[in-house]
Amino acid sequence: MALQRWDPPVEVVVRVERDRIALRIFPSAAPDATLGSTVSFAVWFRERLRDRSLTQEAAARMLGVSAKTINRWARGDTEPRFRELVMLYERLGESPFLPRLPPLGAGPDR
């Protein structure tokens, strides 16, 4: 079976918790979901640090990584591993790859 392209593109978010899995489908934020239309992790991360008035040293302490690691992320030399992305989400309340979601109990799932 051939996969067909969705028009318009959609984003699928899977949220796994202890006792449930939530699947949500959103219209894509970009008219055409191409790599060229996305913001790099480094840009997103620098904006989050600036929005929260965090220095790289303070971010390193908050996330439990070295200041050198934070500097590499902010320059775009490296990107966080999955476990570090989870930590970013837990500590900052948002992720560069997921839309902001209300808590699962906040409303009906669609």
PDB file of N, CA and C in Angstrom:
ATOM      1  N   MET A   1       0.848  -1.169   0.000  1.00  0.00           N
ATOM      2  CA  MET A   1       0.000   0.000   0.000  1.00  0.00           C
ATOM      3  C   MET A   1       0.897   1.236   0.000  1.00  0.00           C
ATOM      4  N   ALA A   2       0.652   2.141  -0.874  1.00  0.00           N
ATOM      5  CA  ALA A   2       1.427   3.370  -0.964  1.00  0.00           C
ATOM      6  C   ALA A   2       0.870   4.403   0.014  1.00  0.00           C
ATOM      7  N   LEU A   3       1.769   5.139   0.667  1.00  0.00           N
ATOM      8  CA  LEU A   3       1.345   6.211   1.552  1.00  0.00           C
ATOM      9  C   LEU A   3       0.992   7.433   0.729  1.00  0.00           C
ATOM     10  N   GLN A   4      -0.090   8.059   1.076  1.00  0.00           N
ATOM     11  CA  GLN A   4      -0.498   9.268   0.374  1.00  0.00           C
ATOM     12  C   GLN A   4      -0.142  10.489   1.207  1.00  0.00           C
ATOM     13  N   ARG A   5       0.162  11.572   0.549  1.00  0.00           N
ATOM     14  CA  ARG A   5       0.490  12.817   1.235  1.00  0.00           C
ATOM     15  C   ARG A   5      -0.784  13.468   1.736  1.00  0.00           C
ATOM     16  N   TRP A   6      -0.742  13.930   2.974  1.00  0.00           N
ATOM     17  CA  TRP A   6      -1.876  14.661   3.537  1.00  0.00           C
ATOM     18  C   TRP A   6      -1.837  16.072   3.002  1.00  0.00           C
ATOM     19  N   ASP A   7      -2.969  16.601   2.661  1.00  0.00           N
ATOM     20  CA  ASP A   7      -3.014  17.971   2.199  1.00  0.00           C
ATOM     21  C   ASP A   7      -4.109  18.696   2.963  1.00  0.00           C
ATOM     22  N   PRO A   8      -3.818  19.612   3.820  1.00  0.00           N
ATOM     23  CA  PRO A   8      -2.503  20.139   4.160  1.00  0.00           C
ATOM     24  C   PRO A   8      -1.757  19.182   5.081  1.00  0.00           C
ATOM     25  N   PRO A   9      -0.435  19.378   5.222  1.00  0.00           N
ATOM     26  CA  PRO A   9       0.343  18.502   6.106  1.00  0.00           C
ATOM     27  C   PRO A   9      -0.156  18.599   7.556  1.00  0.00           C
ATOM     28  N   VAL A  10       0.049  17.551   8.312  1.00  0.00           N
ATOM     29  CA  VAL A  10      -0.353  17.527   9.712  1.00  0.00           C
ATOM     30  C   VAL A  10       0.842  17.124  10.580  1.00  0.00           C
ATOM     31  N   GLU A  11       0.738  17.442  11.863  1.00  0.00           N
ATOM     32  CA  GLU A  11       1.719  17.002  12.845  1.00  0.00           C
ATOM     33  C   GLU A  11       1.013  16.048  13.778  1.00  0.00           C
ATOM     34  N   VAL A  12       1.652  14.928  14.075  1.00  0.00           N
ATOM     35  CA  VAL A  12       1.094  13.936  14.977  1.00  0.00           C
ATOM     36  C   VAL A  12       1.934  13.946  16.246  1.00  0.00           C
ATOM     37  N   VAL A  13       1.271  14.095  17.393  1.00  0.00           N
ATOM     38  CA  VAL A  13       1.955  14.113  18.680  1.00  0.00           C
ATOM     39  C   VAL A  13       1.457  12.925  19.488  1.00  0.00           C
ATOM     40  N   VAL A  14       2.387  12.112  19.943  1.00  0.00           N
ATOM     41  CA  VAL A  14       2.065  10.982  20.801  1.00  0.00           C
ATOM     42  C   VAL A  14       2.597  11.303  22.182  1.00  0.00           C
ATOM     43  N   ARG A  15       1.720  11.270  23.173  1.00  0.00           N
ATOM     44  CA  ARG A  15       2.111  11.559  24.553  1.00  0.00           C
ATOM     45  C   ARG A  15       1.889  10.300  25.376  1.00  0.00           C
ATOM     46  N   VAL A  16       2.967   9.784  25.967  1.00  0.00           N
ATOM     47  CA  VAL A  16       2.905   8.544  26.729  1.00  0.00           C
ATOM     48  C   VAL A  16       3.049   8.879  28.211  1.00  0.00           C
ATOM     49  N   GLU A  17       2.083   8.435  28.992  1.00  0.00           N
ATOM     50  CA  GLU A  17       2.139   8.595  30.439  1.00  0.00           C
ATOM     51  C   GLU A  17       2.034   7.210  31.061  1.00  0.00           C
ATOM     52  N   ARG A  18       2.062   7.162  32.371  1.00  0.00           N
ATOM     53  CA  ARG A  18       2.060   5.857  33.041  1.00  0.00           C
ATOM     54  C   ARG A  18       0.910   4.951  32.625  1.00  0.00           C
ATOM     55  N   ASP A  19      -0.293   5.511  32.596  1.00  0.00           N
ATOM     56  CA  ASP A  19      -1.467   4.666  32.389  1.00  0.00           C
ATOM     57  C   ASP A  19      -2.236   4.954  31.106  1.00  0.00           C
ATOM     58  N   ARG A  20      -1.683   5.787  30.237  1.00  0.00           N
ATOM     59  CA  ARG A  20      -2.407   6.083  28.998  1.00  0.00           C
ATOM     60  C   ARG A  20      -1.464   6.596  27.917  1.00  0.00           C
ATOM     61  N   ILE A  21      -1.967   6.523  26.710  1.00  0.00           N
ATOM     62  CA  ILE A  21      -1.281   7.092  25.554  1.00  0.00           C
ATOM     63  C   ILE A  21      -2.280   8.014  24.863  1.00  0.00           C
ATOM     64  N   ALA A  22      -1.871   9.248  24.641  1.00  0.00           N
ATOM     65  CA  ALA A  22      -2.741  10.210  23.964  1.00  0.00           C
ATOM     66  C   ALA A  22      -2.164  10.489  22.580  1.00  0.00           C
ATOM     67  N   LEU A  23      -3.003  10.459  21.586  1.00  0.00           N
ATOM     68  CA  LEU A  23      -2.613  10.752  20.212  1.00  0.00           C
ATOM     69  C   LEU A  23      -3.391  11.974  19.766  1.00  0.00           C
ATOM     70  N   ARG A  24      -2.656  12.997  19.328  1.00  0.00           N
ATOM     71  CA  ARG A  24      -3.305  14.219  18.858  1.00  0.00           C
ATOM     72  C   ARG A  24      -2.769  14.554  17.474  1.00  0.00           C
ATOM     73  N   ILE A  25      -3.649  15.041  16.625  1.00  0.00           N
ATOM     74  CA  ILE A  25      -3.275  15.414  15.260  1.00  0.00           C
ATOM     75  C   ILE A  25      -3.609  16.883  15.081  1.00  0.00           C
ATOM     76  N   PHE A  26      -2.607  17.652  14.636  1.00  0.00           N
ATOM     77  CA  PHE A  26      -2.746  19.090  14.458  1.00  0.00           C
ATOM     78  C   PHE A  26      -2.446  19.450  13.019  1.00  0.00           C
ATOM     79  N   PRO A  27      -3.084  20.497  12.505  1.00  0.00           N
ATOM     80  CA  PRO A  27      -2.649  21.010  11.204  1.00  0.00           C
ATOM     81  C   PRO A  27      -1.222  21.522  11.354  1.00  0.00           C
ATOM     82  N   SER A  28      -0.424  21.357  10.344  1.00  0.00           N
ATOM     83  CA  SER A  28       0.959  21.805  10.404  1.00  0.00           C
ATOM     84  C   SER A  28       1.016  23.311  10.543  1.00  0.00           C
ATOM     85  N   ALA A  29       2.005  23.794  11.313  1.00  0.00           N
ATOM     86  CA  ALA A  29       2.157  25.239  11.502  1.00  0.00           C
ATOM     87  C   ALA A  29       2.619  25.907  10.216  1.00  0.00           C
ATOM     88  N   ALA A  30       3.342  25.157   9.396  1.00  0.00           N
ATOM     89  CA  ALA A  30       3.853  25.722   8.143  1.00  0.00           C
ATOM     90  C   ALA A  30       2.963  25.275   6.998  1.00  0.00           C
ATOM     91  N   PRO A  31       2.756  26.136   5.988  1.00  0.00           N
ATOM     92  CA  PRO A  31       1.941  25.737   4.853  1.00  0.00           C
ATOM     93  C   PRO A  31       2.510  24.523   4.144  1.00  0.00           C
ATOM     94  N   ASP A  32       3.815  24.409   4.112  1.00  0.00           N
ATOM     95  CA  ASP A  32       4.462  23.240   3.533  1.00  0.00           C
ATOM     96  C   ASP A  32       5.541  22.809   4.509  1.00  0.00           C
ATOM     97  N   ALA A  33       5.411  21.652   5.080  1.00  0.00           N
ATOM     98  CA  ALA A  33       6.343  21.204   6.117  1.00  0.00           C
ATOM     99  C   ALA A  33       7.671  20.781   5.497  1.00  0.00           C
ATOM    100  N   THR A  34       8.481  21.743   5.199  1.00  0.00           N
ATOM    101  CA  THR A  34       9.797  21.451   4.642  1.00  0.00           C
ATOM    102  C   THR A  34      10.847  21.825   5.662  1.00  0.00           C
ATOM    103  N   LEU A  35      12.007  21.210   5.564  1.00  0.00           N
ATOM    104  CA  LEU A  35      13.073  21.500   6.512  1.00  0.00           C
ATOM    105  C   LEU A  35      13.504  22.959   6.450  1.00  0.00           C
ATOM    106  N   GLY A  36      13.471  23.568   5.302  1.00  0.00           N
ATOM    107  CA  GLY A  36      13.896  24.940   5.164  1.00  0.00           C
ATOM    108  C   GLY A  36      13.011  25.933   5.895  1.00  0.00           C
ATOM    109  N   SER A  37      11.808  25.531   6.267  1.00  0.00           N
ATOM    110  CA  SER A  37      10.896  26.465   6.910  1.00  0.00           C
ATOM    111  C   SER A  37      10.927  26.342   8.425  1.00  0.00           C
ATOM    112  N   THR A  38      11.761  25.479   8.974  1.00  0.00           N
ATOM    113  CA  THR A  38      11.798  25.298  10.413  1.00  0.00           C
ATOM    114  C   THR A  38      12.949  26.087  11.022  1.00  0.00           C
ATOM    115  N   VAL A  39      12.822  26.362  12.306  1.00  0.00           N
ATOM    116  CA  VAL A  39      13.858  27.063  13.049  1.00  0.00           C
ATOM    117  C   VAL A  39      14.812  26.020  13.612  1.00  0.00           C
ATOM    118  N   SER A  40      16.093  26.297  13.570  1.00  0.00           N
ATOM    119  CA  SER A  40      17.063  25.349  14.108  1.00  0.00           C
ATOM    120  C   SER A  40      16.923  25.260  15.621  1.00  0.00           C
ATOM    121  N   PHE A  41      17.404  24.158  16.165  1.00  0.00           N
ATOM    122  CA  PHE A  41      17.382  24.001  17.615  1.00  0.00           C
ATOM    123  C   PHE A  41      18.167  25.123  18.277  1.00  0.00           C
ATOM    124  N   ALA A  42      19.325  25.484  17.733  1.00  0.00           N
ATOM    125  CA  ALA A  42      20.173  26.513  18.328  1.00  0.00           C
ATOM    126  C   ALA A  42      19.424  27.844  18.434  1.00  0.00           C
ATOM    127  N   VAL A  43      18.720  28.234  17.392  1.00  0.00           N
ATOM    128  CA  VAL A  43      17.961  29.486  17.422  1.00  0.00           C
ATOM    129  C   VAL A  43      16.861  29.402  18.474  1.00  0.00           C
ATOM    130  N   TRP A  44      16.121  28.301  18.479  1.00  0.00           N
ATOM    131  CA  TRP A  44      15.055  28.104  19.460  1.00  0.00           C
ATOM    132  C   TRP A  44      15.626  28.182  20.871  1.00  0.00           C
ATOM    133  N   PHE A  45      16.735  27.510  21.116  1.00  0.00           N
ATOM    134  CA  PHE A  45      17.328  27.440  22.439  1.00  0.00           C
ATOM    135  C   PHE A  45      17.820  28.817  22.900  1.00  0.00           C
ATOM    136  N   ARG A  46      18.493  29.548  22.022  1.00  0.00           N
ATOM    137  CA  ARG A  46      18.959  30.898  22.381  1.00  0.00           C
ATOM    138  C   ARG A  46      17.777  31.810  22.723  1.00  0.00           C
ATOM    139  N   GLU A  47      16.687  31.686  21.974  1.00  0.00           N
ATOM    140  CA  GLU A  47      15.492  32.493  22.259  1.00  0.00           C
ATOM    141  C   GLU A  47      14.897  32.146  23.622  1.00  0.00           C
ATOM    142  N   ARG A  48      14.877  30.860  23.967  1.00  0.00           N
ATOM    143  CA  ARG A  48      14.350  30.458  25.273  1.00  0.00           C
ATOM    144  C   ARG A  48      15.226  31.001  26.399  1.00  0.00           C
ATOM    145  N   LEU A  49      16.534  30.938  26.237  1.00  0.00           N
ATOM    146  CA  LEU A  49      17.440  31.477  27.259  1.00  0.00           C
ATOM    147  C   LEU A  49      17.203  32.979  27.419  1.00  0.00           C
ATOM    148  N   ARG A  50      17.097  33.680  26.297  1.00  0.00           N
ATOM    149  CA  ARG A  50      16.879  35.125  26.338  1.00  0.00           C
ATOM    150  C   ARG A  50      15.519  35.452  26.970  1.00  0.00           C
ATOM    151  N   ASP A  51      14.468  34.726  26.575  1.00  0.00           N
ATOM    152  CA  ASP A  51      13.126  34.966  27.120  1.00  0.00           C
ATOM    153  C   ASP A  51      13.098  34.814  28.640  1.00  0.00           C
ATOM    154  N   ARG A  52      13.895  33.898  29.160  1.00  0.00           N
ATOM    155  CA  ARG A  52      13.910  33.620  30.599  1.00  0.00           C
ATOM    156  C   ARG A  52      15.049  34.332  31.330  1.00  0.00           C
ATOM    157  N   SER A  53      15.782  35.176  30.600  1.00  0.00           N
ATOM    158  CA  SER A  53      16.930  35.897  31.171  1.00  0.00           C
ATOM    159  C   SER A  53      17.905  34.942  31.858  1.00  0.00           C
ATOM    160  N   LEU A  54      18.149  33.812  31.214  1.00  0.00           N
ATOM    161  CA  LEU A  54      19.077  32.815  31.758  1.00  0.00           C
ATOM    162  C   LEU A  54      20.440  32.953  31.097  1.00  0.00           C
ATOM    163  N   THR A  55      21.478  32.941  31.902  1.00  0.00           N
ATOM    164  CA  THR A  55      22.820  32.845  31.335  1.00  0.00           C
ATOM    165  C   THR A  55      23.063  31.392  30.968  1.00  0.00           C
ATOM    166  N   GLN A  56      24.085  31.145  30.180  1.00  0.00           N
ATOM    167  CA  GLN A  56      24.412  29.762  29.835  1.00  0.00           C
ATOM    168  C   GLN A  56      24.810  28.980  31.075  1.00  0.00           C
ATOM    169  N   GLU A  57      25.491  29.620  32.004  1.00  0.00           N
ATOM    170  CA  GLU A  57      25.893  28.945  33.244  1.00  0.00           C
ATOM    171  C   GLU A  57      24.673  28.562  34.080  1.00  0.00           C
ATOM    172  N   ALA A  58      23.693  29.474  34.182  1.00  0.00           N
ATOM    173  CA  ALA A  58      22.474  29.181  34.940  1.00  0.00           C
ATOM    174  C   ALA A  58      21.680  28.052  34.272  1.00  0.00           C
ATOM    175  N   ALA A  59      21.625  28.074  32.953  1.00  0.00           N
ATOM    176  CA  ALA A  59      20.928  27.006  32.226  1.00  0.00           C
ATOM    177  C   ALA A  59      21.617  25.669  32.456  1.00  0.00           C
ATOM    178  N   ALA A  60      22.935  25.672  32.483  1.00  0.00           N
ATOM    179  CA  ALA A  60      23.686  24.438  32.719  1.00  0.00           C
ATOM    180  C   ALA A  60      23.354  23.867  34.091  1.00  0.00           C
ATOM    181  N   ARG A  61      23.308  24.709  35.104  1.00  0.00           N
ATOM    182  CA  ARG A  61      22.961  24.242  36.460  1.00  0.00           C
ATOM    183  C   ARG A  61      21.540  23.700  36.492  1.00  0.00           C
ATOM    184  N   MET A  62      20.608  24.421  35.851  1.00  0.00           N
ATOM    185  CA  MET A  62      19.208  24.019  35.851  1.00  0.00           C
ATOM    186  C   MET A  62      19.010  22.668  35.159  1.00  0.00           C
ATOM    187  N   LEU A  63      19.764  22.436  34.083  1.00  0.00           N
ATOM    188  CA  LEU A  63      19.574  21.224  33.287  1.00  0.00           C
ATOM    189  C   LEU A  63      20.514  20.093  33.685  1.00  0.00           C
ATOM    190  N   GLY A  64      21.479  20.378  34.545  1.00  0.00           N
ATOM    191  CA  GLY A  64      22.395  19.329  34.992  1.00  0.00           C
ATOM    192  C   GLY A  64      23.404  18.917  33.937  1.00  0.00           C
ATOM    193  N   VAL A  65      23.793  19.847  33.084  1.00  0.00           N
ATOM    194  CA  VAL A  65      24.825  19.583  32.077  1.00  0.00           C
ATOM    195  C   VAL A  65      25.914  20.648  32.233  1.00  0.00           C
ATOM    196  N   SER A  66      27.001  20.486  31.521  1.00  0.00           N
ATOM    197  CA  SER A  66      28.097  21.451  31.635  1.00  0.00           C
ATOM    198  C   SER A  66      27.782  22.732  30.862  1.00  0.00           C
ATOM    199  N   ALA A  67      28.444  23.812  31.276  1.00  0.00           N
ATOM    200  CA  ALA A  67      28.304  25.080  30.559  1.00  0.00           C
ATOM    201  C   ALA A  67      28.821  24.938  29.132  1.00  0.00           C
ATOM    202  N   LYS A  68      29.814  24.098  28.936  1.00  0.00           N
ATOM    203  CA  LYS A  68      30.357  23.853  27.600  1.00  0.00           C
ATOM    204  C   LYS A  68      29.285  23.217  26.704  1.00  0.00           C
ATOM    205  N   THR A  69      28.510  22.295  27.259  1.00  0.00           N
ATOM    206  CA  THR A  69      27.427  21.654  26.500  1.00  0.00           C
ATOM    207  C   THR A  69      26.386  22.690  26.101  1.00  0.00           C
ATOM    208  N   ILE A  70      25.996  23.551  27.028  1.00  0.00           N
ATOM    209  CA  ILE A  70      25.013  24.601  26.733  1.00  0.00           C
ATOM    210  C   ILE A  70      25.544  25.503  25.622  1.00  0.00           C
ATOM    211  N   ASN A  71      26.825  25.860  25.704  1.00  0.00           N
ATOM    212  CA  ASN A  71      27.434  26.720  24.695  1.00  0.00           C
ATOM    213  C   ASN A  71      27.418  26.050  23.322  1.00  0.00           C
ATOM    214  N   ARG A  72      27.692  24.763  23.277  1.00  0.00           N
ATOM    215  CA  ARG A  72      27.664  24.030  21.993  1.00  0.00           C
ATOM    216  C   ARG A  72      26.255  23.990  21.422  1.00  0.00           C
ATOM    217  N   TRP A  73      25.237  23.811  22.278  1.00  0.00           N
ATOM    218  CA  TRP A  73      23.853  23.812  21.810  1.00  0.00           C
ATOM    219  C   TRP A  73      23.484  25.185  21.265  1.00  0.00           C
ATOM    220  N   ALA A  74      23.860  26.236  21.995  1.00  0.00           N
ATOM    221  CA  ALA A  74      23.493  27.604  21.598  1.00  0.00           C
ATOM    222  C   ALA A  74      24.182  28.019  20.298  1.00  0.00           C
ATOM    223  N   ARG A  75      25.388  27.520  20.052  1.00  0.00           N
ATOM    224  CA  ARG A  75      26.099  27.840  18.804  1.00  0.00           C
ATOM    225  C   ARG A  75      25.651  26.955  17.642  1.00  0.00           C
ATOM    226  N   GLY A  76      24.983  25.850  17.954  1.00  0.00           N
ATOM    227  CA  GLY A  76      24.558  24.940  16.899  1.00  0.00           C
ATOM    228  C   GLY A  76      25.610  23.910  16.544  1.00  0.00           C
ATOM    229  N   ASP A  77      26.657  23.785  17.385  1.00  0.00           N
ATOM    230  CA  ASP A  77      27.692  22.780  17.125  1.00  0.00           C
ATOM    231  C   ASP A  77      27.173  21.369  17.360  1.00  0.00           C
ATOM    232  N   THR A  78      26.326  21.210  18.387  1.00  0.00           N
ATOM    233  CA  THR A  78      25.716  19.917  18.698  1.00  0.00           C
ATOM    234  C   THR A  78      24.269  20.172  19.096  1.00  0.00           C
ATOM    235  N   GLU A  79      23.510  19.104  19.199  1.00  0.00           N
ATOM    236  CA  GLU A  79      22.134  19.174  19.684  1.00  0.00           C
ATOM    237  C   GLU A  79      21.971  18.175  20.807  1.00  0.00           C
ATOM    238  N   PRO A  80      21.007  18.419  21.687  1.00  0.00           N
ATOM    239  CA  PRO A  80      20.823  17.503  22.819  1.00  0.00           C
ATOM    240  C   PRO A  80      20.372  16.116  22.381  1.00  0.00           C
ATOM    241  N   ARG A  81      20.737  15.140  23.197  1.00  0.00           N
ATOM    242  CA  ARG A  81      20.233  13.786  23.003  1.00  0.00           C
ATOM    243  C   ARG A  81      18.790  13.741  23.497  1.00  0.00           C
ATOM    244  N   PHE A  82      18.123  12.628  23.222  1.00  0.00           N
ATOM    245  CA  PHE A  82      16.706  12.515  23.565  1.00  0.00           C
ATOM    246  C   PHE A  82      16.463  12.763  25.046  1.00  0.00           C
ATOM    247  N   ARG A  83      17.254  12.150  25.911  1.00  0.00           N
ATOM    248  CA  ARG A  83      17.023  12.311  27.355  1.00  0.00           C
ATOM    249  C   ARG A  83      17.190  13.780  27.775  1.00  0.00           C
ATOM    250  N   GLU A  84      18.104  14.497  27.104  1.00  0.00           N
ATOM    251  CA  GLU A  84      18.288  15.913  27.403  1.00  0.00           C
ATOM    252  C   GLU A  84      17.119  16.748  26.879  1.00  0.00           C
ATOM    253  N   LEU A  85      16.552  16.335  25.752  1.00  0.00           N
ATOM    254  CA  LEU A  85      15.350  17.011  25.244  1.00  0.00           C
ATOM    255  C   LEU A  85      14.191  16.845  26.221  1.00  0.00           C
ATOM    256  N   VAL A  86      14.080  15.651  26.797  1.00  0.00           N
ATOM    257  CA  VAL A  86      13.032  15.410  27.795  1.00  0.00           C
ATOM    258  C   VAL A  86      13.253  16.325  28.996  1.00  0.00           C
ATOM    259  N   MET A  87      14.506  16.443  29.440  1.00  0.00           N
ATOM    260  CA  MET A  87      14.832  17.328  30.550  1.00  0.00           C
ATOM    261  C   MET A  87      14.476  18.783  30.219  1.00  0.00           C
ATOM    262  N   LEU A  88      14.809  19.210  28.996  1.00  0.00           N
ATOM    263  CA  LEU A  88      14.447  20.568  28.564  1.00  0.00           C
ATOM    264  C   LEU A  88      12.944  20.772  28.657  1.00  0.00           C
ATOM    265  N   TYR A  89      12.183  19.794  28.184  1.00  0.00           N
ATOM    266  CA  TYR A  89      10.725  19.898  28.207  1.00  0.00           C
ATOM    267  C   TYR A  89      10.218  19.981  29.643  1.00  0.00           C
ATOM    268  N   GLU A  90      10.775  19.139  30.518  1.00  0.00           N
ATOM    269  CA  GLU A  90      10.329  19.133  31.908  1.00  0.00           C
ATOM    270  C   GLU A  90      10.669  20.432  32.625  1.00  0.00           C
ATOM    271  N   ARG A  91      11.831  20.987  32.358  1.00  0.00           N
ATOM    272  CA  ARG A  91      12.284  22.177  33.088  1.00  0.00           C
ATOM    273  C   ARG A  91      11.782  23.482  32.461  1.00  0.00           C
ATOM    274  N   LEU A  92      11.640  23.510  31.135  1.00  0.00           N
ATOM    275  CA  LEU A  92      11.202  24.738  30.462  1.00  0.00           C
ATOM    276  C   LEU A  92       9.710  24.736  30.144  1.00  0.00           C
ATOM    277  N   GLY A  93       9.096  23.554  30.147  1.00  0.00           N
ATOM    278  CA  GLY A  93       7.670  23.469  29.856  1.00  0.00           C
ATOM    279  C   GLY A  93       7.336  23.538  28.386  1.00  0.00           C
ATOM    280  N   GLU A  94       8.345  23.427  27.542  1.00  0.00           N
ATOM    281  CA  GLU A  94       8.098  23.420  26.107  1.00  0.00           C
ATOM    282  C   GLU A  94       9.247  22.704  25.418  1.00  0.00           C
ATOM    283  N   SER A  95       9.001  22.368  24.174  1.00  0.00           N
ATOM    284  CA  SER A  95       9.980  21.640  23.383  1.00  0.00           C
ATOM    285  C   SER A  95      10.061  22.274  21.993  1.00  0.00           C
ATOM    286  N   PRO A  96      11.232  22.217  21.368  1.00  0.00           N
ATOM    287  CA  PRO A  96      11.334  22.781  20.022  1.00  0.00           C
ATOM    288  C   PRO A  96      10.586  21.956  18.982  1.00  0.00           C
ATOM    289  N   PHE A  97      10.187  20.739  19.333  1.00  0.00           N
ATOM    290  CA  PHE A  97       9.607  19.830  18.359  1.00  0.00           C
ATOM    291  C   PHE A  97       8.140  19.515  18.604  1.00  0.00           C
ATOM    292  N   LEU A  98       7.574  20.031  19.695  1.00  0.00           N
ATOM    293  CA  LEU A  98       6.179  19.743  20.020  1.00  0.00           C
ATOM    294  C   LEU A  98       5.421  21.033  20.266  1.00  0.00           C
ATOM    295  N   PRO A  99       4.155  21.076  19.869  1.00  0.00           N
ATOM    296  CA  PRO A  99       3.355  22.250  20.233  1.00  0.00           C
ATOM    297  C   PRO A  99       3.098  22.221  21.730  1.00  0.00           C
ATOM    298  N   ARG A 100       2.846  23.373  22.308  1.00  0.00           N
ATOM    299  CA  ARG A 100       2.495  23.408  23.717  1.00  0.00           C
ATOM    300  C   ARG A 100       1.156  22.720  23.883  1.00  0.00           C
ATOM    301  N   LEU A 101       1.110  21.808  24.824  1.00  0.00           N
ATOM    302  CA  LEU A 101      -0.118  21.050  25.052  1.00  0.00           C
ATOM    303  C   LEU A 101      -0.640  21.310  26.453  1.00  0.00           C
ATOM    304  N   PRO A 102      -1.955  21.414  26.612  1.00  0.00           N
ATOM    305  CA  PRO A 102      -2.506  21.498  27.962  1.00  0.00           C
ATOM    306  C   PRO A 102      -2.377  20.132  28.625  1.00  0.00           C
ATOM    307  N   PRO A 103      -2.448  20.057  29.956  1.00  0.00           N
ATOM    308  CA  PRO A 103      -2.425  18.761  30.631  1.00  0.00           C
ATOM    309  C   PRO A 103      -3.534  17.871  30.103  1.00  0.00           C
ATOM    310  N   LEU A 104      -3.321  16.556  30.129  1.00  0.00           N
ATOM    311  CA  LEU A 104      -4.303  15.635  29.563  1.00  0.00           C
ATOM    312  C   LEU A 104      -5.673  15.781  30.186  1.00  0.00           C
ATOM    313  N   GLY A 105      -5.778  16.084  31.468  1.00  0.00           N
ATOM    314  CA  GLY A 105      -7.071  16.212  32.117  1.00  0.00           C
ATOM    315  C   GLY A 105      -7.751  17.547  31.893  1.00  0.00           C
ATOM    316  N   ALA A 106      -7.137  18.457  31.145  1.00  0.00           N
ATOM    317  CA  ALA A 106      -7.663  19.810  30.974  1.00  0.00           C
ATOM    318  C   ALA A 106      -8.840  19.894  30.000  1.00  0.00           C
ATOM    319  N   GLY A 107      -9.038  18.920  29.182  1.00  0.00           N
ATOM    320  CA  GLY A 107     -10.132  18.993  28.213  1.00  0.00           C
ATOM    321  C   GLY A 107     -10.266  17.692  27.462  1.00  0.00           C
ATOM    322  N   PRO A 108     -11.287  17.574  26.630  1.00  0.00           N
ATOM    323  CA  PRO A 108     -11.472  16.327  25.885  1.00  0.00           C
ATOM    324  C   PRO A 108     -10.403  16.125  24.827  1.00  0.00           C
ATOM    325  N   ASP A 109      -9.950  14.888  24.701  1.00  0.00           N
ATOM    326  CA  ASP A 109      -9.016  14.543  23.609  1.00  0.00           C
ATOM    327  C   ASP A 109      -9.796  14.350  22.336  1.00  0.00           C
ATOM    328  N   ARG A 110      -9.208  14.795  21.246  1.00  0.00           N
ATOM    329  CA  ARG A 110      -9.885  14.645  19.967  1.00  0.00           C
ATOM    330  C   ARG A 110      -9.045  13.812  19.055  1.00  0.00           C
TER     331      ARG A 110
END
